[in-house]
């Protein structure tokens, strides 16, 4: 099993960190950050963009060669996440809980981890998984509201 500890909340930092962990480069085009999975890890891509209002969008379209875990452990309040699985399946787990949630195609989950509380996305080897994650930086989003 491959595990990646993701400590950055904004999309830019997450993609940069994954590129470093995967030992590959990332691309930036019109504010969208993307990374192609190296053949040694699998195939597919992860891409994302942050908008000025605190809303971000991450797309995972991946098939990993090994079971793969993304452990989100930022030292700040995690964004509110709306994860929608359009193909395949993934597992979602909050480490302080023994409960594992499997999200299948056409299902979704809303995650609102608190400060210093992490969560995990688990991809099973050989399974093509396509996830769209809408992420809201709660602090930045509230600051830009006029009311």
Foldseek 3Di string as FASTA:
>chain_A
DAEDEAADQDPVSRLVRVCVVQVHDWDADPQKIKDARDVVFWGDIKMKHADQLQKMKIKGFTATQAKYKYKHFYQAFHWWKKKAWQFWWKWKAFVVDPDIDIAHHGGIDIDGDGGRTIMMIIDHHGGTIIMMMITGPVVSNVVPDPD
